[in-house]
């Protein structure tokens, strides 16, 4: 059991050294793109929510 765990951890360490991390410019650009897309989607969904709320006020008067 411990031999298998040791072998597994050795292989994980070997694979970890093969990872190529992106440059700072790449991940900053990716993060910025994600934040912009999330902001756009949130705005669109918020406007849809407001519109449907107003529609419900017309359909079901309080």
C-alpha atoms as a PDB file:
ATOM      1  CA  UNK A   1       0.000   0.000   0.000  1.00  0.00           C
ATOM      2  CA  UNK A   2       2.744   2.471   0.937  1.00  0.00           C
ATOM      3  CA  UNK A   3       4.790   1.462  -2.099  1.00  0.00           C
ATOM      4  CA  UNK A   4       1.889   2.294  -4.399  1.00  0.00           C
ATOM      5  CA  UNK A   5       1.341   5.637  -2.686  1.00  0.00           C
ATOM      6  CA  UNK A   6       5.056   6.467  -2.949  1.00  0.00           C
ATOM      7  CA  UNK A   7       5.110   5.559  -6.639  1.00  0.00           C
ATOM      8  CA  UNK A   8       1.991   7.643  -7.254  1.00  0.00           C
ATOM      9  CA  UNK A   9       3.477  10.695  -5.517  1.00  0.00           C
ATOM     10  CA  UNK A  10       6.739  10.278  -7.447  1.00  0.00           C
ATOM     11  CA  UNK A  11       4.807  10.207 -10.732  1.00  0.00           C
ATOM     12  CA  UNK A  12       2.741  13.236  -9.711  1.00  0.00           C
ATOM     13  CA  UNK A  13       5.934  15.144  -8.931  1.00  0.00           C
ATOM     14  CA  UNK A  14       7.360  14.190 -12.321  1.00  0.00           C
ATOM     15  CA  UNK A  15       4.221  15.363 -14.109  1.00  0.00           C
ATOM     16  CA  UNK A  16       4.205  18.581 -12.088  1.00  0.00           C
ATOM     17  CA  UNK A  17       7.623  19.467 -13.496  1.00  0.00           C
ATOM     18  CA  UNK A  18       6.230  19.112 -17.040  1.00  0.00           C
ATOM     19  CA  UNK A  19       3.658  21.890 -16.501  1.00  0.00           C
ATOM     20  CA  UNK A  20       4.238  25.026 -18.539  1.00  0.00           C
ATOM     21  CA  UNK A  21       2.722  28.024 -16.813  1.00  0.00           C
ATOM     22  CA  UNK A  22       1.408  30.897 -18.942  1.00  0.00           C
ATOM     23  CA  UNK A  23       3.173  34.230 -18.937  1.00  0.00           C
ATOM     24  CA  UNK A  24       1.739  36.989 -16.767  1.00  0.00           C
ATOM     25  CA  UNK A  25       0.492  38.869 -19.839  1.00  0.00           C
ATOM     26  CA  UNK A  26      -1.481  35.800 -20.962  1.00  0.00           C
ATOM     27  CA  UNK A  27      -3.278  35.119 -17.705  1.00  0.00           C
ATOM     28  CA  UNK A  28      -3.993  38.811 -17.068  1.00  0.00           C
ATOM     29  CA  UNK A  29      -5.544  39.011 -20.540  1.00  0.00           C
ATOM     30  CA  UNK A  30      -7.590  35.870 -19.936  1.00  0.00           C
ATOM     31  CA  UNK A  31      -8.789  37.106 -16.566  1.00  0.00           C
ATOM     32  CA  UNK A  32      -9.752  40.463 -18.050  1.00  0.00           C
ATOM     33  CA  UNK A  33     -11.709  38.756 -20.834  1.00  0.00           C
ATOM     34  CA  UNK A  34     -13.579  36.579 -18.338  1.00  0.00           C
ATOM     35  CA  UNK A  35     -14.472  39.586 -16.160  1.00  0.00           C
ATOM     36  CA  UNK A  36     -15.733  41.553 -19.169  1.00  0.00           C
ATOM     37  CA  UNK A  37     -17.863  38.635 -20.388  1.00  0.00           C
ATOM     38  CA  UNK A  38     -19.296  38.059 -16.898  1.00  0.00           C
ATOM     39  CA  UNK A  39     -20.098  41.777 -16.624  1.00  0.00           C
ATOM     40  CA  UNK A  40     -21.894  41.773 -19.979  1.00  0.00           C
ATOM     41  CA  UNK A  41     -23.911  38.663 -19.124  1.00  0.00           C
ATOM     42  CA  UNK A  42     -24.827  40.060 -15.689  1.00  0.00           C
ATOM     43  CA  UNK A  43     -25.992  43.317 -17.265  1.00  0.00           C
ATOM     44  CA  UNK A  44     -28.102  41.536 -19.877  1.00  0.00           C
ATOM     45  CA  UNK A  45     -29.686  39.246 -17.292  1.00  0.00           C
ATOM     46  CA  UNK A  46     -30.342  42.220 -15.002  1.00  0.00           C
ATOM     47  CA  UNK A  47     -32.103  44.092 -17.812  1.00  0.00           C
ATOM     48  CA  UNK A  48     -34.177  41.011 -18.645  1.00  0.00           C
ATOM     49  CA  UNK A  49     -35.103  40.696 -14.961  1.00  0.00           C
ATOM     50  CA  UNK A  50     -36.168  44.343 -14.773  1.00  0.00           C
ATOM     51  CA  UNK A  51     -38.180  44.009 -17.987  1.00  0.00           C
ATOM     52  CA  UNK A  52     -39.959  40.868 -16.831  1.00  0.00           C
ATOM     53  CA  UNK A  53     -40.657  42.515 -13.471  1.00  0.00           C
ATOM     54  CA  UNK A  54     -42.308  45.462 -15.198  1.00  0.00           C
ATOM     55  CA  UNK A  55     -44.284  43.065 -17.411  1.00  0.00           C
ATOM     56  CA  UNK A  56     -45.526  41.201 -14.341  1.00  0.00           C
ATOM     57  CA  UNK A  57     -46.691  44.495 -12.805  1.00  0.00           C
ATOM     58  CA  UNK A  58     -48.820  45.108 -15.902  1.00  0.00           C
ATOM     59  CA  UNK A  59     -50.231  41.579 -15.968  1.00  0.00           C
ATOM     60  CA  UNK A  60     -50.865  41.199 -12.245  1.00  0.00           C
ATOM     61  CA  UNK A  61     -51.823  44.526 -10.688  1.00  0.00           C
ATOM     62  CA  UNK A  62     -51.156  44.806  -6.984  1.00  0.00           C
END
